[in-house]
């Protein structure tokens, strides 16, 4: 077996000590760019970007991931920093809309109970209408989160209409 390339004598592949001499070339290094790895958890950039768009009902993982990537990733990883900033801003808009609906619901309940002298029918009607509007807006936010997660996983720089430009400037 002295005629084997690189002087390797054995049946294991790859050779236990690595490639020596003129043997077979080592495998190519993993690709960089959008396919790079995060510094903290070692996740692929597309998976880390996807985590920024998980719906907030999942223990705010999107908020934690977005803050983590913005704090730890270097400025050169624009793909991940863009998705982290956009995911953070989307969470903020979602939170503000939730707060607005919370106060609208409390105000409508109080207002209708005082205006009708305690009759619950008017309050129930306005609460039902508010609940339906809140549900539709919640579904729209869920769809936006899903689209953002899919686009980030595919390695695309998908920008939301208003917050996408702000996220691009600040990432």
N, C-alpha and C. Protein backbone atom coordinates (compact mmCIF):
# COMPACT_ATOMS: atom_id res chain seq x y z
N UNK A 1 0.81 -1.19 0.00
CA UNK A 1 0.00 0.00 0.00
C UNK A 1 0.85 1.25 0.00
N UNK A 2 2.05 1.17 -0.45
CA UNK A 2 2.93 2.33 -0.44
C UNK A 2 2.60 3.27 -1.59
N UNK A 3 1.75 2.86 -2.53
CA UNK A 3 1.44 3.71 -3.68
C UNK A 3 0.22 4.58 -3.46
N UNK A 4 -0.33 4.65 -2.26
CA UNK A 4 -1.51 5.49 -2.04
C UNK A 4 -1.11 6.95 -1.97
N UNK A 5 -1.99 7.85 -2.40
CA UNK A 5 -1.66 9.28 -2.40
C UNK A 5 -1.44 9.79 -0.98
N UNK A 6 -0.41 10.63 -0.83
CA UNK A 6 -0.13 11.26 0.45
C UNK A 6 0.52 10.34 1.45
N UNK A 7 0.82 9.11 1.07
CA UNK A 7 1.47 8.20 1.98
C UNK A 7 0.56 7.62 3.04
N UNK A 8 -0.74 7.77 2.90
CA UNK A 8 -1.68 7.25 3.89
C UNK A 8 -1.80 5.75 3.75
N UNK A 9 -1.68 5.03 4.84
CA UNK A 9 -1.73 3.58 4.82
C UNK A 9 -2.86 3.12 5.73
N UNK A 10 -4.00 2.84 5.21
CA UNK A 10 -5.10 2.37 6.04
C UNK A 10 -6.40 2.41 5.27
N UNK A 11 -7.44 1.92 5.88
CA UNK A 11 -8.72 1.83 5.19
C UNK A 11 -9.72 2.87 5.61
N UNK A 12 -9.40 3.67 6.61
CA UNK A 12 -10.37 4.68 7.07
C UNK A 12 -10.37 5.88 6.14
N UNK A 13 -11.54 6.44 5.95
CA UNK A 13 -11.64 7.67 5.19
C UNK A 13 -12.48 8.64 5.97
N UNK A 14 -12.11 9.81 6.21
CA UNK A 14 -10.84 10.44 5.91
C UNK A 14 -9.76 9.93 6.85
N UNK A 15 -8.51 10.13 6.50
CA UNK A 15 -7.42 9.64 7.35
C UNK A 15 -7.50 10.26 8.75
N UNK A 16 -7.14 9.51 9.79
CA UNK A 16 -7.30 9.99 11.15
C UNK A 16 -6.50 11.24 11.48
N UNK A 17 -5.38 11.47 10.92
CA UNK A 17 -4.56 12.64 11.23
C UNK A 17 -4.80 13.80 10.28
N UNK A 18 -5.78 13.73 9.46
CA UNK A 18 -6.01 14.77 8.47
C UNK A 18 -5.29 14.42 7.18
N UNK A 19 -5.28 15.33 6.27
CA UNK A 19 -4.67 15.11 4.97
C UNK A 19 -3.21 15.53 5.03
N UNK A 20 -2.35 14.66 4.53
CA UNK A 20 -0.92 14.94 4.60
C UNK A 20 -0.32 14.84 3.20
N UNK A 21 0.69 15.64 3.01
CA UNK A 21 1.42 15.56 1.75
C UNK A 21 0.56 15.95 0.57
N UNK A 22 0.61 15.15 -0.48
CA UNK A 22 -0.12 15.46 -1.71
C UNK A 22 -1.44 14.72 -1.78
N UNK A 23 -2.02 14.39 -0.65
CA UNK A 23 -3.28 13.64 -0.63
C UNK A 23 -4.45 14.45 -1.12
N UNK A 24 -5.61 13.97 -0.84
CA UNK A 24 -6.84 14.62 -1.27
C UNK A 24 -6.99 15.97 -0.58
N UNK A 25 -7.59 16.95 -1.25
CA UNK A 25 -7.73 18.28 -0.62
C UNK A 25 -8.79 18.25 0.48
N UNK A 26 -8.65 19.11 1.47
CA UNK A 26 -9.66 19.17 2.53
C UNK A 26 -10.97 19.72 1.99
N UNK A 27 -12.07 19.47 2.67
CA UNK A 27 -13.35 20.00 2.19
C UNK A 27 -13.35 21.53 2.25
N UNK A 28 -14.13 22.17 1.39
CA UNK A 28 -14.14 23.64 1.36
C UNK A 28 -14.75 24.20 2.65
N UNK A 29 -14.35 25.42 3.04
CA UNK A 29 -14.92 26.03 4.25
C UNK A 29 -16.39 26.37 4.04
N UNK A 30 -17.17 26.50 5.11
CA UNK A 30 -18.58 26.84 4.96
C UNK A 30 -18.73 28.24 4.37
N UNK A 31 -19.81 28.49 3.63
CA UNK A 31 -20.00 29.80 3.00
C UNK A 31 -20.23 30.89 4.04
N UNK A 32 -19.78 32.12 3.70
CA UNK A 32 -19.99 33.27 4.57
C UNK A 32 -21.08 34.15 3.96
N UNK A 33 -21.35 35.30 4.59
CA UNK A 33 -22.39 36.19 4.12
C UNK A 33 -23.68 35.87 4.82
N UNK A 34 -24.83 35.86 4.10
CA UNK A 34 -26.10 35.54 4.75
C UNK A 34 -26.10 34.12 5.33
N UNK A 35 -25.17 33.28 4.93
CA UNK A 35 -25.08 31.93 5.47
C UNK A 35 -24.10 31.82 6.61
N UNK A 36 -23.65 32.96 7.19
CA UNK A 36 -22.69 32.94 8.28
C UNK A 36 -23.32 32.48 9.59
N UNK A 37 -22.55 32.53 10.64
CA UNK A 37 -23.01 32.09 11.97
C UNK A 37 -22.99 33.28 12.93
N UNK A 38 -23.91 33.25 13.89
CA UNK A 38 -23.94 34.29 14.91
C UNK A 38 -22.80 34.07 15.89
N UNK A 39 -22.38 35.14 16.55
CA UNK A 39 -21.27 35.04 17.48
C UNK A 39 -21.67 34.41 18.80
N UNK A 40 -22.90 34.62 19.23
CA UNK A 40 -23.29 34.16 20.56
C UNK A 40 -23.72 32.70 20.57
N UNK A 41 -24.70 32.34 19.78
CA UNK A 41 -25.25 30.98 19.82
C UNK A 41 -24.77 30.10 18.68
N UNK A 42 -24.07 30.66 17.70
CA UNK A 42 -23.59 29.87 16.58
C UNK A 42 -24.68 29.45 15.61
N UNK A 43 -25.78 30.20 15.56
CA UNK A 43 -26.87 29.88 14.64
C UNK A 43 -26.57 30.44 13.26
N UNK A 44 -27.11 29.81 12.24
CA UNK A 44 -27.03 30.38 10.90
C UNK A 44 -27.77 31.71 10.89
N UNK A 45 -27.32 32.63 10.05
CA UNK A 45 -27.95 33.95 10.00
C UNK A 45 -29.42 33.87 9.61
N UNK A 46 -29.76 32.96 8.70
CA UNK A 46 -31.15 32.87 8.29
C UNK A 46 -32.05 32.35 9.42
N UNK A 47 -31.55 31.43 10.23
CA UNK A 47 -32.33 30.93 11.37
C UNK A 47 -32.44 32.01 12.44
N UNK A 48 -31.34 32.73 12.68
CA UNK A 48 -31.37 33.81 13.67
C UNK A 48 -32.31 34.93 13.22
N UNK A 49 -32.31 35.23 11.93
CA UNK A 49 -33.25 36.24 11.41
C UNK A 49 -34.69 35.79 11.54
N UNK A 50 -34.92 34.50 11.34
CA UNK A 50 -36.28 33.97 11.48
C UNK A 50 -36.78 34.11 12.92
N UNK A 51 -35.88 33.94 13.89
CA UNK A 51 -36.28 34.06 15.30
C UNK A 51 -36.77 35.47 15.64
N UNK A 52 -36.33 36.46 14.88
CA UNK A 52 -36.76 37.84 15.12
C UNK A 52 -38.21 38.07 14.75
N UNK A 53 -38.82 37.13 14.03
CA UNK A 53 -40.20 37.30 13.58
C UNK A 53 -41.16 36.29 14.18
N UNK A 54 -40.74 35.58 15.20
CA UNK A 54 -41.69 34.68 15.85
C UNK A 54 -42.78 35.52 16.49
N UNK A 55 -44.03 35.08 16.46
CA UNK A 55 -45.11 35.87 17.07
C UNK A 55 -44.83 36.11 18.56
N UNK A 56 -45.20 37.30 19.07
CA UNK A 56 -44.90 37.65 20.46
C UNK A 56 -45.57 36.73 21.49
N UNK A 57 -46.58 36.01 21.09
CA UNK A 57 -47.26 35.12 22.05
C UNK A 57 -46.36 33.94 22.45
N UNK A 58 -45.23 33.75 21.79
CA UNK A 58 -44.31 32.67 22.13
C UNK A 58 -43.24 33.17 23.10
N UNK A 59 -43.66 33.63 24.24
CA UNK A 59 -42.75 34.06 25.33
C UNK A 59 -41.81 35.17 24.91
N UNK A 60 -42.20 35.99 23.98
CA UNK A 60 -41.40 37.14 23.51
C UNK A 60 -40.02 36.72 23.04
N UNK A 61 -39.91 35.55 22.43
CA UNK A 61 -38.61 35.10 21.90
C UNK A 61 -38.11 36.07 20.83
N UNK A 62 -39.03 36.63 20.05
CA UNK A 62 -38.61 37.58 19.01
C UNK A 62 -37.98 38.83 19.62
N UNK A 63 -38.51 39.30 20.72
CA UNK A 63 -37.95 40.47 21.38
C UNK A 63 -36.56 40.16 21.94
N UNK A 64 -36.42 39.03 22.59
CA UNK A 64 -35.14 38.63 23.16
C UNK A 64 -34.10 38.42 22.06
N UNK A 65 -34.48 37.72 20.99
CA UNK A 65 -33.54 37.46 19.89
C UNK A 65 -33.13 38.75 19.20
N UNK A 66 -34.08 39.64 18.96
CA UNK A 66 -33.76 40.90 18.28
C UNK A 66 -32.79 41.74 19.10
N UNK A 67 -33.03 41.85 20.40
CA UNK A 67 -32.14 42.62 21.25
C UNK A 67 -30.76 41.95 21.31
N UNK A 68 -30.74 40.63 21.40
CA UNK A 68 -29.46 39.90 21.47
C UNK A 68 -28.64 40.12 20.21
N UNK A 69 -29.26 40.01 19.04
CA UNK A 69 -28.52 40.17 17.79
C UNK A 69 -28.06 41.61 17.60
N UNK A 70 -28.89 42.58 18.00
CA UNK A 70 -28.49 43.98 17.86
C UNK A 70 -27.31 44.31 18.78
N UNK A 71 -27.26 43.66 19.94
CA UNK A 71 -26.20 43.96 20.91
C UNK A 71 -24.90 43.22 20.60
N UNK A 72 -24.96 42.04 20.00
CA UNK A 72 -23.75 41.22 19.88
C UNK A 72 -23.18 41.13 18.47
N UNK A 73 -23.99 41.29 17.46
CA UNK A 73 -23.50 41.10 16.10
C UNK A 73 -22.78 42.34 15.59
N UNK A 74 -21.69 42.16 14.86
CA UNK A 74 -20.95 43.32 14.34
C UNK A 74 -21.72 44.01 13.23
N UNK A 75 -21.32 45.24 12.95
CA UNK A 75 -22.00 46.05 11.92
C UNK A 75 -21.90 45.41 10.54
N UNK A 76 -20.91 44.54 10.32
CA UNK A 76 -20.73 43.93 9.01
C UNK A 76 -21.83 42.93 8.67
N UNK A 77 -22.49 42.37 9.66
CA UNK A 77 -23.57 41.40 9.40
C UNK A 77 -24.88 42.16 9.23
N UNK A 78 -24.97 42.90 8.13
CA UNK A 78 -26.13 43.77 7.88
C UNK A 78 -27.42 42.98 7.73
N UNK A 79 -27.35 41.78 7.18
CA UNK A 79 -28.55 40.97 7.00
C UNK A 79 -29.23 40.69 8.33
N UNK A 80 -28.48 40.20 9.29
CA UNK A 80 -29.06 39.84 10.58
C UNK A 80 -29.44 41.08 11.37
N UNK A 81 -28.62 42.11 11.34
CA UNK A 81 -28.95 43.34 12.07
C UNK A 81 -30.19 44.01 11.50
N UNK A 82 -30.38 43.95 10.18
CA UNK A 82 -31.59 44.51 9.57
C UNK A 82 -32.83 43.78 10.07
N UNK A 83 -32.79 42.45 10.02
CA UNK A 83 -33.97 41.69 10.45
C UNK A 83 -34.21 41.83 11.95
N UNK A 84 -33.13 41.96 12.74
CA UNK A 84 -33.30 42.17 14.18
C UNK A 84 -33.96 43.52 14.45
N UNK A 85 -33.52 44.56 13.75
CA UNK A 85 -34.11 45.89 13.96
C UNK A 85 -35.55 45.93 13.47
N UNK A 86 -35.81 45.34 12.32
CA UNK A 86 -37.18 45.34 11.80
C UNK A 86 -38.10 44.51 12.69
N UNK A 87 -37.63 43.37 13.19
CA UNK A 87 -38.42 42.56 14.10
C UNK A 87 -38.70 43.28 15.41
N UNK A 88 -37.71 44.03 15.90
CA UNK A 88 -37.88 44.81 17.12
C UNK A 88 -38.91 45.92 16.92
N UNK A 89 -38.84 46.59 15.79
CA UNK A 89 -39.80 47.66 15.52
C UNK A 89 -41.20 47.11 15.27
N UNK A 90 -41.30 45.96 14.63
CA UNK A 90 -42.61 45.33 14.43
C UNK A 90 -43.22 44.94 15.77
N UNK A 91 -42.39 44.43 16.68
CA UNK A 91 -42.88 44.13 18.02
C UNK A 91 -43.38 45.40 18.71
N UNK A 92 -42.64 46.50 18.57
CA UNK A 92 -43.06 47.76 19.17
C UNK A 92 -44.39 48.26 18.63
N UNK A 93 -44.57 48.19 17.32
CA UNK A 93 -45.85 48.61 16.72
C UNK A 93 -46.98 47.71 17.21
N UNK A 94 -46.74 46.42 17.26
CA UNK A 94 -47.75 45.47 17.74
C UNK A 94 -48.12 45.78 19.20
N UNK A 95 -47.12 46.07 20.02
CA UNK A 95 -47.36 46.37 21.43
C UNK A 95 -48.16 47.67 21.59
N UNK A 96 -47.82 48.69 20.81
CA UNK A 96 -48.56 49.95 20.89
C UNK A 96 -50.01 49.76 20.46
N UNK A 97 -50.24 49.00 19.40
CA UNK A 97 -51.62 48.74 18.96
C UNK A 97 -52.38 47.97 20.05
N UNK A 98 -51.73 47.03 20.71
CA UNK A 98 -52.38 46.27 21.78
C UNK A 98 -52.76 47.21 22.93
N UNK A 99 -51.86 48.13 23.30
CA UNK A 99 -52.14 49.09 24.37
C UNK A 99 -53.31 49.99 23.99
N UNK A 100 -53.35 50.46 22.76
CA UNK A 100 -54.45 51.31 22.30
C UNK A 100 -55.77 50.57 22.41
N UNK A 101 -55.82 49.33 21.96
CA UNK A 101 -57.06 48.57 22.06
C UNK A 101 -57.43 48.26 23.50
N UNK A 102 -56.45 48.09 24.36
CA UNK A 102 -56.74 47.87 25.77
C UNK A 102 -57.46 49.08 26.37
N UNK A 103 -56.93 50.28 26.11
CA UNK A 103 -57.56 51.48 26.65
C UNK A 103 -58.88 51.79 25.96
N UNK A 104 -58.99 51.50 24.67
CA UNK A 104 -60.28 51.68 23.98
C UNK A 104 -61.35 50.77 24.59
N UNK A 105 -60.98 49.53 24.84
CA UNK A 105 -61.94 48.60 25.44
C UNK A 105 -62.36 49.02 26.83
N UNK A 106 -61.40 49.46 27.64
CA UNK A 106 -61.73 49.92 28.99
C UNK A 106 -62.59 51.17 28.94
N UNK A 107 -62.26 52.10 28.04
CA UNK A 107 -63.05 53.34 27.92
C UNK A 107 -64.45 53.07 27.41
N UNK A 108 -64.59 52.17 26.44
CA UNK A 108 -65.92 51.86 25.92
C UNK A 108 -66.77 51.16 26.97
N UNK A 109 -66.19 50.28 27.71
CA UNK A 109 -66.95 49.59 28.76
C UNK A 109 -67.44 50.57 29.81
N UNK A 110 -66.56 51.44 30.24
CA UNK A 110 -66.93 52.42 31.25
C UNK A 110 -67.94 53.42 30.70
N UNK A 111 -67.72 53.88 29.46
CA UNK A 111 -68.61 54.87 28.86
C UNK A 111 -70.01 54.33 28.62
N UNK A 112 -70.13 53.14 28.11
CA UNK A 112 -71.47 52.59 27.84
C UNK A 112 -72.20 52.21 29.12
N UNK A 113 -71.49 51.78 30.13
CA UNK A 113 -72.18 51.42 31.38
C UNK A 113 -72.68 52.68 32.09
N UNK A 114 -71.95 53.77 31.96
CA UNK A 114 -72.40 55.02 32.59
C UNK A 114 -73.53 55.65 31.80
N UNK A 115 -73.49 55.57 30.48
CA UNK A 115 -74.49 56.22 29.63
C UNK A 115 -75.82 55.49 29.68
N UNK A 116 -75.82 54.20 29.82
CA UNK A 116 -77.07 53.43 29.79
C UNK A 116 -77.60 53.15 31.18
N UNK A 117 -76.94 53.58 32.19
CA UNK A 117 -77.42 53.35 33.54
C UNK A 117 -77.30 51.91 34.00
N UNK A 118 -76.34 51.21 33.48
CA UNK A 118 -76.10 49.84 33.92
C UNK A 118 -76.62 48.79 32.97
N UNK A 119 -77.27 49.15 31.86
CA UNK A 119 -77.74 48.16 30.89
C UNK A 119 -76.55 47.59 30.15
N UNK A 120 -76.48 46.28 30.06
CA UNK A 120 -75.33 45.63 29.49
C UNK A 120 -75.40 45.41 27.99
N UNK A 121 -76.53 45.65 27.35
CA UNK A 121 -76.66 45.35 25.92
C UNK A 121 -75.80 46.27 25.05
N UNK A 122 -75.78 47.56 25.35
CA UNK A 122 -74.99 48.48 24.54
C UNK A 122 -73.50 48.20 24.73
N UNK A 123 -73.12 47.93 25.96
CA UNK A 123 -71.72 47.63 26.24
C UNK A 123 -71.28 46.34 25.58
N UNK A 124 -72.19 45.36 25.55
CA UNK A 124 -71.84 44.09 24.91
C UNK A 124 -71.66 44.25 23.41
N UNK A 125 -72.49 45.08 22.79
CA UNK A 125 -72.38 45.31 21.35
C UNK A 125 -71.09 46.00 20.98
N UNK A 126 -70.74 47.04 21.71
CA UNK A 126 -69.50 47.75 21.39
C UNK A 126 -68.27 46.90 21.72
N UNK A 127 -68.34 46.12 22.78
CA UNK A 127 -67.23 45.24 23.11
C UNK A 127 -67.03 44.16 22.06
N UNK A 128 -68.14 43.64 21.53
CA UNK A 128 -68.05 42.63 20.48
C UNK A 128 -67.45 43.21 19.21
N UNK A 129 -67.86 44.42 18.85
CA UNK A 129 -67.32 45.08 17.67
C UNK A 129 -65.82 45.34 17.85
N UNK A 130 -65.43 45.82 19.01
CA UNK A 130 -64.02 46.07 19.29
C UNK A 130 -63.22 44.77 19.27
N UNK A 131 -63.79 43.70 19.79
CA UNK A 131 -63.13 42.41 19.79
C UNK A 131 -62.91 41.89 18.37
N UNK A 132 -63.90 42.09 17.50
CA UNK A 132 -63.76 41.64 16.11
C UNK A 132 -62.67 42.44 15.39
N UNK A 133 -62.64 43.75 15.60
CA UNK A 133 -61.61 44.58 14.96
C UNK A 133 -60.23 44.19 15.48
N UNK A 134 -60.14 43.97 16.78
CA UNK A 134 -58.87 43.56 17.38
C UNK A 134 -58.42 42.20 16.84
N UNK A 135 -59.36 41.30 16.63
CA UNK A 135 -59.03 39.98 16.07
C UNK A 135 -58.51 40.08 14.64
N UNK A 136 -59.14 40.92 13.84
CA UNK A 136 -58.70 41.09 12.45
C UNK A 136 -57.30 41.69 12.41
N UNK A 137 -57.05 42.70 13.23
CA UNK A 137 -55.72 43.31 13.27
C UNK A 137 -54.69 42.30 13.79
N UNK A 138 -55.07 41.47 14.75
CA UNK A 138 -54.17 40.44 15.24
C UNK A 138 -53.81 39.43 14.16
N UNK A 139 -54.78 39.07 13.33
CA UNK A 139 -54.51 38.14 12.23
C UNK A 139 -53.57 38.78 11.20
N UNK A 140 -53.75 40.08 10.94
CA UNK A 140 -52.86 40.78 10.01
C UNK A 140 -51.43 40.78 10.56
N UNK A 141 -51.28 41.07 11.85
CA UNK A 141 -49.94 41.03 12.45
C UNK A 141 -49.35 39.62 12.37
N UNK A 142 -50.15 38.60 12.62
CA UNK A 142 -49.66 37.22 12.54
C UNK A 142 -49.17 36.90 11.13
N UNK A 143 -49.90 37.34 10.12
CA UNK A 143 -49.50 37.11 8.73
C UNK A 143 -48.18 37.82 8.42
N UNK A 144 -48.04 39.06 8.91
CA UNK A 144 -46.80 39.81 8.69
C UNK A 144 -45.63 39.11 9.38
N UNK A 145 -45.84 38.60 10.61
CA UNK A 145 -44.78 37.87 11.31
C UNK A 145 -44.39 36.61 10.53
N UNK A 146 -45.36 35.89 10.00
CA UNK A 146 -45.06 34.66 9.27
C UNK A 146 -44.30 34.98 7.98
N UNK A 147 -44.73 36.00 7.25
CA UNK A 147 -44.04 36.38 6.01
C UNK A 147 -42.60 36.81 6.33
N UNK A 148 -42.43 37.60 7.38
CA UNK A 148 -41.08 38.03 7.77
C UNK A 148 -40.19 36.85 8.13
N UNK A 149 -40.74 35.87 8.86
CA UNK A 149 -39.95 34.70 9.25
C UNK A 149 -39.55 33.88 8.03
N UNK A 150 -40.47 33.69 7.10
CA UNK A 150 -40.17 32.92 5.90
C UNK A 150 -39.12 33.64 5.03
N UNK A 151 -39.29 34.95 4.86
CA UNK A 151 -38.34 35.71 4.04
C UNK A 151 -36.95 35.72 4.67
N UNK A 152 -36.88 35.86 5.99
CA UNK A 152 -35.58 35.84 6.66
C UNK A 152 -34.93 34.47 6.54
N UNK A 153 -35.73 33.41 6.67
CA UNK A 153 -35.18 32.06 6.54
C UNK A 153 -34.66 31.80 5.14
N UNK A 154 -35.30 32.41 4.14
CA UNK A 154 -34.86 32.25 2.75
C UNK A 154 -33.66 33.14 2.41
N UNK A 155 -33.24 33.99 3.34
CA UNK A 155 -32.09 34.85 3.12
C UNK A 155 -32.41 36.12 2.36
N UNK A 156 -33.67 36.55 2.37
CA UNK A 156 -34.07 37.75 1.63
C UNK A 156 -34.17 38.94 2.58
N UNK A 157 -33.86 40.11 2.06
CA UNK A 157 -33.99 41.37 2.82
C UNK A 157 -35.37 41.95 2.50
N UNK A 158 -36.39 41.46 3.17
CA UNK A 158 -37.77 41.90 2.94
C UNK A 158 -38.07 43.08 3.84
N UNK A 159 -38.47 44.20 3.23
CA UNK A 159 -38.72 45.41 4.00
C UNK A 159 -40.22 45.67 4.14
N UNK A 160 -40.63 45.96 5.36
CA UNK A 160 -41.99 46.42 5.61
C UNK A 160 -42.09 47.87 5.14
N UNK A 161 -43.30 48.34 4.79
CA UNK A 161 -43.42 49.67 4.18
C UNK A 161 -42.78 50.82 4.94
N UNK A 162 -43.08 51.04 6.19
CA UNK A 162 -42.55 52.21 6.88
C UNK A 162 -41.36 51.85 7.75
N UNK A 163 -41.51 50.80 8.55
CA UNK A 163 -40.44 50.47 9.49
C UNK A 163 -39.25 49.81 8.81
N UNK A 164 -39.42 49.30 7.60
CA UNK A 164 -38.31 48.68 6.88
C UNK A 164 -37.24 49.70 6.52
N UNK A 165 -37.66 50.90 6.11
CA UNK A 165 -36.68 51.95 5.77
C UNK A 165 -35.93 52.41 7.01
N UNK A 166 -36.66 52.55 8.12
CA UNK A 166 -36.01 52.96 9.37
C UNK A 166 -35.03 51.88 9.83
N UNK A 167 -35.44 50.62 9.72
CA UNK A 167 -34.58 49.52 10.14
C UNK A 167 -33.34 49.45 9.26
N UNK A 168 -33.48 49.73 7.98
CA UNK A 168 -32.33 49.68 7.07
C UNK A 168 -31.32 50.77 7.40
N UNK A 169 -31.80 51.96 7.76
CA UNK A 169 -30.91 53.05 8.11
C UNK A 169 -30.17 52.78 9.43
N UNK A 170 -30.82 52.16 10.37
CA UNK A 170 -30.25 51.99 11.72
C UNK A 170 -29.58 50.65 11.95
N UNK A 171 -29.53 49.78 10.96
CA UNK A 171 -28.92 48.47 11.18
C UNK A 171 -27.45 48.47 10.87
